[in-house]
N, C-alpha and C. Protein backbone atom coordinates (compact mmCIF):
# COMPACT_ATOMS: atom_id res chain seq x y z
N THR A 1 0.49 -1.35 -0.06
CA THR A 1 0.12 -0.38 -0.42
C THR A 1 0.85 1.16 0.43
N ILE A 2 0.17 2.08 -0.62
CA ILE A 2 1.00 3.89 -1.03
C ILE A 2 0.41 4.64 -0.46
N ARG A 3 0.67 4.97 0.30
CA ARG A 3 -0.02 6.56 0.73
C ARG A 3 0.86 7.78 0.75
N PHE A 4 0.05 8.80 0.79
CA PHE A 4 0.62 10.41 0.84
C PHE A 4 -1.21 10.99 1.05
N THR A 5 -0.43 11.98 1.01
CA THR A 5 -1.11 13.05 1.56
C THR A 5 -0.44 14.43 0.27
N LEU A 6 -2.11 15.22 -0.12
CA LEU A 6 -2.02 16.16 -0.49
C LEU A 6 -2.24 17.46 -0.12
N THR A 7 -1.57 18.44 -0.56
CA THR A 7 -2.36 19.73 0.65
C THR A 7 -3.23 20.60 -0.07
N GLU A 8 -2.90 20.13 -1.70
CA GLU A 8 -4.27 20.96 -2.67
C GLU A 8 -4.60 19.82 -3.75
N SER A 9 -5.22 19.99 -4.52
CA SER A 9 -5.85 19.35 -5.36
C SER A 9 -4.94 19.18 -7.07
N ALA A 10 -4.99 17.81 -7.19
CA ALA A 10 -3.72 18.29 -8.51
C ALA A 10 -3.95 16.74 -9.20
N VAL A 11 -4.03 16.66 -10.75
CA VAL A 11 -3.45 15.51 -11.64
C VAL A 11 -2.42 14.84 -11.04
N LEU A 12 -2.49 13.57 -11.03
CA LEU A 12 -1.17 13.00 -10.45
C LEU A 12 -0.99 11.59 -11.34
N THR A 13 -0.11 10.95 -11.25
CA THR A 13 0.32 9.76 -12.18
C THR A 13 1.42 9.18 -10.91
N LEU A 14 1.13 8.04 -10.43
CA LEU A 14 1.78 7.06 -9.29
C LEU A 14 2.00 5.68 -10.72
N SER A 15 3.43 5.33 -10.30
CA SER A 15 3.79 4.69 -11.47
C SER A 15 5.42 3.82 -10.60
N VAL A 16 5.23 2.34 -10.59
CA VAL A 16 6.31 1.75 -10.40
C VAL A 16 7.44 1.33 -10.76
N PHE A 17 8.67 1.80 -10.60
CA PHE A 17 10.35 1.20 -11.51
C PHE A 17 10.96 0.51 -11.00
N THR A 18 11.56 -0.61 -11.41
CA THR A 18 12.73 -1.30 -11.09
C THR A 18 14.05 -0.33 -10.41
N PRO A 19 14.72 -0.34 -9.95
CA PRO A 19 16.15 0.56 -9.72
C PRO A 19 16.64 1.34 -10.81
N ASP A 20 16.37 0.16 -11.73
CA ASP A 20 17.63 0.80 -13.49
C ASP A 20 16.58 1.41 -14.40
N GLY A 21 15.21 2.12 -13.80
CA GLY A 21 14.30 2.78 -14.51
C GLY A 21 13.18 2.43 -15.41
N ARG A 22 13.09 1.22 -15.31
CA ARG A 22 12.42 0.55 -16.60
C ARG A 22 10.96 0.58 -15.99
N LEU A 23 9.85 0.74 -16.36
CA LEU A 23 8.60 0.78 -15.76
C LEU A 23 7.95 -0.33 -15.35
N VAL A 24 7.36 -0.97 -14.13
CA VAL A 24 7.01 -2.32 -13.98
C VAL A 24 5.21 -2.12 -14.30
N GLU A 25 4.78 -0.78 -13.41
CA GLU A 25 3.40 -0.46 -13.68
C GLU A 25 2.72 0.77 -13.24
N THR A 26 1.58 1.15 -13.69
CA THR A 26 1.26 2.75 -13.57
C THR A 26 0.16 2.42 -12.65
N LEU A 27 0.13 2.45 -11.79
CA LEU A 27 -1.19 2.56 -10.63
C LEU A 27 -2.34 3.03 -10.42
N GLY A 28 -1.89 4.96 -11.10
CA GLY A 28 -2.87 5.53 -10.77
C GLY A 28 -2.62 6.99 -11.48
N ARG A 29 -3.70 7.64 -12.24
CA ARG A 29 -3.59 8.43 -12.86
C ARG A 29 -5.15 8.91 -12.61
N GLY A 30 -5.08 10.62 -12.40
CA GLY A 30 -6.23 10.60 -12.17
C GLY A 30 -5.76 12.26 -11.74
N ASN A 31 -7.37 12.63 -11.55
CA ASN A 31 -7.85 13.95 -10.26
C ASN A 31 -7.56 13.32 -9.08
N TYR A 32 -7.14 14.27 -7.98
CA TYR A 32 -7.07 13.77 -6.34
C TYR A 32 -7.56 14.64 -5.97
N SER A 33 -7.86 14.65 -4.80
CA SER A 33 -8.68 15.77 -3.74
C SER A 33 -7.60 16.23 -2.72
N VAL A 34 -7.75 16.75 -2.44
CA VAL A 34 -7.03 17.25 -0.64
C VAL A 34 -7.10 16.41 -0.05
N GLY A 35 -6.22 16.44 0.65
CA GLY A 35 -6.43 14.88 2.02
C GLY A 35 -5.57 13.61 1.66
N GLN A 36 -5.51 13.01 2.60
CA GLN A 36 -4.56 11.26 2.47
C GLN A 36 -5.17 10.49 1.05
N HIS A 37 -4.78 9.47 0.87
CA HIS A 37 -5.03 8.73 -0.02
C HIS A 37 -4.16 7.68 0.10
N GLN A 38 -4.35 6.40 -0.32
CA GLN A 38 -3.86 5.34 -0.76
C GLN A 38 -4.00 4.18 -2.18
N VAL A 39 -3.12 3.69 -2.74
CA VAL A 39 -3.28 3.07 -3.54
C VAL A 39 -2.36 1.61 -3.23
N ILE A 40 -3.29 0.27 -3.60
CA ILE A 40 -2.53 -0.56 -3.75
C ILE A 40 -2.05 -1.19 -4.57
N TRP A 41 -0.71 -2.17 -4.77
CA TRP A 41 -0.48 -1.98 -5.60
C TRP A 41 -0.67 -4.18 -5.52
N ASN A 42 -0.84 -4.54 -6.25
CA ASN A 42 -1.18 -5.96 -6.56
C ASN A 42 0.13 -6.56 -6.63
N SER A 43 0.98 -6.74 -6.38
CA SER A 43 2.97 -7.37 -6.32
C SER A 43 2.74 -8.10 -6.63
N LYS A 44 1.37 -9.51 -6.33
CA LYS A 44 1.97 -11.08 -6.82
C LYS A 44 2.94 -11.59 -7.80
N GLU A 45 2.92 -10.66 -9.06
CA GLU A 45 3.61 -11.46 -10.28
C GLU A 45 5.45 -10.51 -10.44
N PHE A 46 5.26 -10.00 -9.25
CA PHE A 46 7.13 -9.68 -8.97
C PHE A 46 7.60 -9.79 -8.28
N ALA A 47 9.36 -9.55 -8.15
CA ALA A 47 10.18 -10.71 -7.24
C ALA A 47 10.12 -9.83 -6.23
N SER A 48 10.58 -10.26 -5.00
CA SER A 48 11.07 -9.80 -4.27
C SER A 48 11.86 -8.70 -3.91
N GLY A 49 12.40 -7.53 -4.04
CA GLY A 49 13.04 -6.76 -4.36
C GLY A 49 13.34 -5.11 -3.81
N ILE A 50 14.19 -4.33 -3.97
CA ILE A 50 13.83 -2.73 -4.24
C ILE A 50 12.97 -2.10 -5.43
N TYR A 51 12.07 -1.41 -5.09
CA TYR A 51 11.47 -1.04 -6.31
C TYR A 51 11.57 0.82 -5.95
N LEU A 52 11.18 1.33 -6.88
CA LEU A 52 10.99 2.84 -6.93
C LEU A 52 9.67 3.30 -7.43
N TYR A 53 8.75 4.08 -6.47
CA TYR A 53 7.78 4.45 -6.94
C TYR A 53 7.95 6.14 -6.89
N ARG A 54 6.80 6.76 -8.28
CA ARG A 54 6.98 8.33 -8.45
C ARG A 54 5.49 8.86 -8.87
N LEU A 55 5.11 9.50 -8.20
CA LEU A 55 4.35 10.78 -7.76
C LEU A 55 5.01 11.79 -8.65
N SER A 56 3.89 12.08 -10.04
CA SER A 56 4.37 13.03 -10.41
C SER A 56 2.70 13.99 -10.92
N SER A 57 3.38 15.19 -10.85
CA SER A 57 2.26 16.09 -11.32
C SER A 57 2.87 17.06 -12.18
N SER A 58 1.95 17.88 -12.56
CA SER A 58 2.34 19.04 -12.92
C SER A 58 3.37 19.89 -12.58
N ALA A 59 3.23 20.20 -11.31
CA ALA A 59 4.15 20.71 -11.08
C ALA A 59 5.43 20.44 -9.81
N THR A 60 5.21 19.01 -9.22
CA THR A 60 5.90 18.27 -8.71
C THR A 60 6.53 16.89 -9.02
N VAL A 61 7.66 15.97 -8.81
CA VAL A 61 7.83 14.90 -9.17
C VAL A 61 8.62 14.32 -7.76
N GLN A 62 7.83 13.03 -7.19
CA GLN A 62 7.79 12.48 -5.94
C GLN A 62 8.73 11.40 -5.47
N THR A 63 9.83 11.02 -5.92
CA THR A 63 10.57 9.25 -5.80
C THR A 63 10.85 9.10 -4.67
N ARG A 64 9.82 7.73 -4.34
CA ARG A 64 10.70 7.24 -3.19
C ARG A 64 10.83 5.76 -3.33
N LYS A 65 12.00 5.26 -2.68
CA LYS A 65 12.61 3.67 -2.84
C LYS A 65 11.24 2.98 -1.89
N MET A 66 10.88 1.60 -2.48
CA MET A 66 9.99 1.05 -1.58
C MET A 66 11.01 -0.63 -1.26
N MET A 67 10.16 -1.53 -0.48
CA MET A 67 11.28 -3.01 -0.55
C MET A 67 9.88 -3.85 -0.36
N LEU A 68 9.92 -4.40 -1.71
CA LEU A 68 9.25 -5.27 -1.50
C LEU A 68 9.72 -6.98 -0.79
N LEU A 69 9.02 -7.78 -0.10
CA LEU A 69 8.73 -8.58 0.52
C LEU A 69 7.84 -9.84 0.73
N ARG A 70 8.83 -11.08 0.21
CA ARG A 70 7.82 -12.26 -0.19
C ARG A 70 7.93 -13.59 1.30
């Protein structure tokens, strides 16, 4: 589960990448309102390891690291 909080409404894209920059999956794309949000990544078909997720809008891009454990 990927959680994030917005202080203003925005059109966002939430994507998961491998550490070498290969796109794994786009989890969300659309309008998000002010407040707390969570997106669940169904990662059953992916191997354990380190992944990056990128939350991007027209105003900002944030990238965070996450560990998938089986």
